[in-house]
Structure formats: structure tokens, C-alpha cells
C-alpha atoms as a PDB file:
ATOM      1  CA  MET A   1     -18.302  29.508 -87.651  1.00  0.00           C
ATOM      2  CA  LYS A   2     -21.348  27.250 -87.520  1.00  0.00           C
ATOM      3  CA  LYS A   3     -19.249  24.268 -86.443  1.00  0.00           C
ATOM      4  CA  GLN A   4     -17.624  26.297 -83.675  1.00  0.00           C
ATOM      5  CA  LEU A   5     -21.030  27.319 -82.378  1.00  0.00           C
ATOM      6  CA  CYS A   6     -22.112  23.669 -82.398  1.00  0.00           C
ATOM      7  CA  TRP A   7     -18.995  22.715 -80.412  1.00  0.00           C
ATOM      8  CA  ILE A   8     -19.590  25.519 -77.932  1.00  0.00           C
ATOM      9  CA  GLY A   9     -23.224  24.457 -77.532  1.00  0.00           C
ATOM     10  CA  ALA A  10     -22.256  20.816 -77.020  1.00  0.00           C
ATOM     11  CA  LEU A  11     -19.632  21.703 -74.421  1.00  0.00           C
ATOM     12  CA  THR A  12     -22.058  24.022 -72.616  1.00  0.00           C
ATOM     13  CA  SER A  13     -24.791  21.392 -72.488  1.00  0.00           C
ATOM     14  CA  PHE A  14     -22.284  18.813 -71.238  1.00  0.00           C
ATOM     15  CA  TRP A  15     -21.152  21.240 -68.538  1.00  0.00           C
ATOM     16  CA  VAL A  16     -24.771  21.879 -67.460  1.00  0.00           C
ATOM     17  CA  LEU A  17     -25.357  18.128 -67.242  1.00  0.00           C
ATOM     18  CA  ILE A  18     -22.246  17.596 -65.132  1.00  0.00           C
ATOM     19  CA  VAL A  19     -23.080  20.501 -62.808  1.00  0.00           C
ATOM     20  CA  ASN A  20     -26.679  19.396 -62.263  1.00  0.00           C
ATOM     21  CA  ALA A  21     -26.089  15.618 -62.059  1.00  0.00           C
ATOM     22  CA  PRO A  22     -25.046  15.555 -58.364  1.00  0.00           C
ATOM     23  CA  SER A  23     -28.134  17.464 -57.285  1.00  0.00           C
ATOM     24  CA  ILE A  24     -30.399  15.220 -59.377  1.00  0.00           C
ATOM     25  CA  PHE A  25     -28.977  12.047 -57.811  1.00  0.00           C
ATOM     26  CA  GLY A  26     -28.744  13.492 -54.309  1.00  0.00           C
ATOM     27  CA  TRP A  27     -24.958  13.652 -54.086  1.00  0.00           C
ATOM     28  CA  HIS A  28     -23.400  16.618 -52.298  1.00  0.00           C
ATOM     29  CA  PRO A  29     -19.665  16.623 -53.017  1.00  0.00           C
ATOM     30  CA  MET A  30     -19.621  20.350 -53.736  1.00  0.00           C
ATOM     31  CA  GLU A  31     -20.605  21.639 -50.302  1.00  0.00           C
ATOM     32  CA  GLY A  32     -18.433  23.954 -48.234  1.00  0.00           C
ATOM     33  CA  PHE A  33     -14.965  25.292 -48.901  1.00  0.00           C
ATOM     34  CA  SER A  34     -13.635  22.009 -50.307  1.00  0.00           C
ATOM     35  CA  GLY A  35     -16.454  22.020 -52.852  1.00  0.00           C
ATOM     36  CA  LEU A  36     -15.450  25.522 -53.898  1.00  0.00           C
ATOM     37  CA  VAL A  37     -11.842  24.424 -54.369  1.00  0.00           C
ATOM     38  CA  ILE A  38     -12.966  21.396 -56.374  1.00  0.00           C
ATOM     39  CA  THR A  39     -15.188  23.598 -58.561  1.00  0.00           C
ATOM     40  CA  PHE A  40     -12.384  26.059 -59.326  1.00  0.00           C
ATOM     41  CA  PHE A  41      -9.958  23.238 -60.065  1.00  0.00           C
ATOM     42  CA  LEU A  42     -12.362  21.485 -62.443  1.00  0.00           C
ATOM     43  CA  GLY A  43     -13.180  24.781 -64.138  1.00  0.00           C
ATOM     44  CA  TYR A  44      -9.482  25.479 -64.663  1.00  0.00           C
ATOM     45  CA  CYS A  45      -8.994  21.992 -66.117  1.00  0.00           C
ATOM     46  CA  ALA A  46     -11.961  22.517 -68.428  1.00  0.00           C
ATOM     47  CA  ILE A  47     -10.510  25.781 -69.736  1.00  0.00           C
ATOM     48  CA  ILE A  48      -7.206  24.052 -70.494  1.00  0.00           C
ATOM     49  CA  LEU A  49      -8.978  21.134 -72.158  1.00  0.00           C
ATOM     50  CA  VAL A  50     -11.119  23.348 -74.395  1.00  0.00           C
ATOM     51  CA  ALA A  51      -8.101  25.423 -75.402  1.00  0.00           C
ATOM     52  CA  GLN A  52      -6.185  22.279 -76.340  1.00  0.00           C
ATOM     53  CA  VAL A  53      -9.096  20.890 -78.355  1.00  0.00           C
ATOM     54  CA  PHE A  54      -9.532  24.120 -80.318  1.00  0.00           C
ATOM     55  CA  SER A  55      -5.793  24.407 -81.015  1.00  0.00           C
ATOM     56  CA  ALA A  56      -5.691  20.771 -82.161  1.00  0.00           C
ATOM     57  CA  LEU A  57      -8.665  21.332 -84.459  1.00  0.00           C
ATOM     58  CA  THR A  58      -6.982  24.431 -85.894  1.00  0.00           C
ATOM     59  CA  ALA A  59      -3.761  22.488 -86.521  1.00  0.00           C
ATOM     60  CA  ILE A  60      -5.648  19.656 -88.227  1.00  0.00           C
ATOM     61  CA  ARG A  61      -7.577  22.142 -90.358  1.00  0.00           C
ATOM     62  CA  SER A  62      -4.408  23.909 -91.522  1.00  0.00           C
ATOM     63  CA  LEU A  63      -2.787  20.547 -92.273  1.00  0.00           C
ATOM     64  CA  LEU A  64      -5.750  19.471 -94.394  1.00  0.00           C
ATOM     65  CA  GLU A  65      -5.810  22.829 -96.202  1.00  0.00           C
ATOM     66  CA  ASP A  66      -2.111  22.441 -97.027  1.00  0.00           C
ATOM     67  CA  LEU A  67      -2.745  18.961 -98.413  1.00  0.00           C
ATOM     68  CA  VAL A  68      -5.615  20.194-100.569  1.00  0.00           C
ATOM     69  CA  ASP A  69      -3.625  23.191-101.823  1.00  0.00           C
ATOM     70  CA  SER A  70      -0.677  21.006-102.777  1.00  0.00           C
ATOM     71  CA  LYS A  71      -2.968  18.849-104.914  1.00  0.00           C
ATOM     72  CA  ARG A  72      -4.546  21.849-106.654  1.00  0.00           C
ATOM     73  CA  ASN A  73      -1.308  23.507-107.719  1.00  0.00           C
ATOM     74  CA  SER A  74       0.362  21.579-110.487  1.00  0.00           C
ATOM     75  CA  ARG A  75       3.986  22.076-111.331  1.00  0.00           C
ATOM     76  CA  ARG A  76       5.001  23.195-114.767  1.00  0.00           C
ATOM     77  CA  VAL A  77       7.424  20.840-116.388  1.00  0.00           C
ATOM     78  CA  LEU A  78       9.641  21.917-119.250  1.00  0.00           C
ATOM     79  CA  PHE A  79      10.148  19.053-121.642  1.00  0.00           C
ATOM     80  CA  ARG A  80      12.602  20.840-123.867  1.00  0.00           C
ATOM     81  CA  THR A  81      14.938  23.605-122.879  1.00  0.00           C
ATOM     82  CA  GLU A  82      16.196  26.051-125.422  1.00  0.00           C
ATOM     83  CA  GLN A  83      19.858  26.812-125.513  1.00  0.00           C
ATOM     84  CA  PRO A  84      20.765  30.443-125.999  1.00  0.00           C
ATOM     85  CA  PHE A  85      22.329  31.096-129.369  1.00  0.00           C
ATOM     86  CA  THR A  86      26.044  31.647-129.105  1.00  0.00           C
ATOM     87  CA  ALA A  87      28.321  32.734-131.903  1.00  0.00           C
ATOM     88  CA  PRO A  88      31.013  30.277-132.832  1.00  0.00           C
ATOM     89  CA  GLU A  89      34.420  31.309-131.664  1.00  0.00           C
ATOM     90  CA  GLU A  90      36.842  32.374-134.299  1.00  0.00           C
END
């Protein structure tokens, strides 16, 4: 949970930097209706990107857990098998 909060915090701070960078440097690409369209498009792309990153991290985590579990569980090996006793045929 702590790692997820760190990721969320890092992504939020990156987003704040990206949103405020044009105003700091005096650029104005986000003015008017076209700026609104650009903002919605970039927001949609960011949602898709974050969803893909979290699903990839989940897949990697489950893969690593499977590898660790397979190393922990040892297989029992029978060195000698006992034959059931059968009566000789008459």
C-alpha cells in the first residue's frame, strides 16, 4: 500500500509540474477551445497510461510471487515403492 501511495504521489507531482510549466515559462498553448480539447485528450491518455502501468506492475508482482512459491514448495520424492502383497496363485 505504501508503494502505491508513493507512485500516486509521484504521478500527481509530475502532473502538477506539467500543468504549471507553460505558465511559468510564458507559453499559452492551452487557451481557448483548442486548449480545452488538448487538455481532455492528454487527461484521457494519462488515465490509460496509469491503468496500463498498474496492471503491468500487478502482473509482474504475481509472476514474482509464483516464482518464489515454486521455490518454497519442495516435491516429495519416493525412493522406494512398496508392492502390495499378493498371494501366489495356486
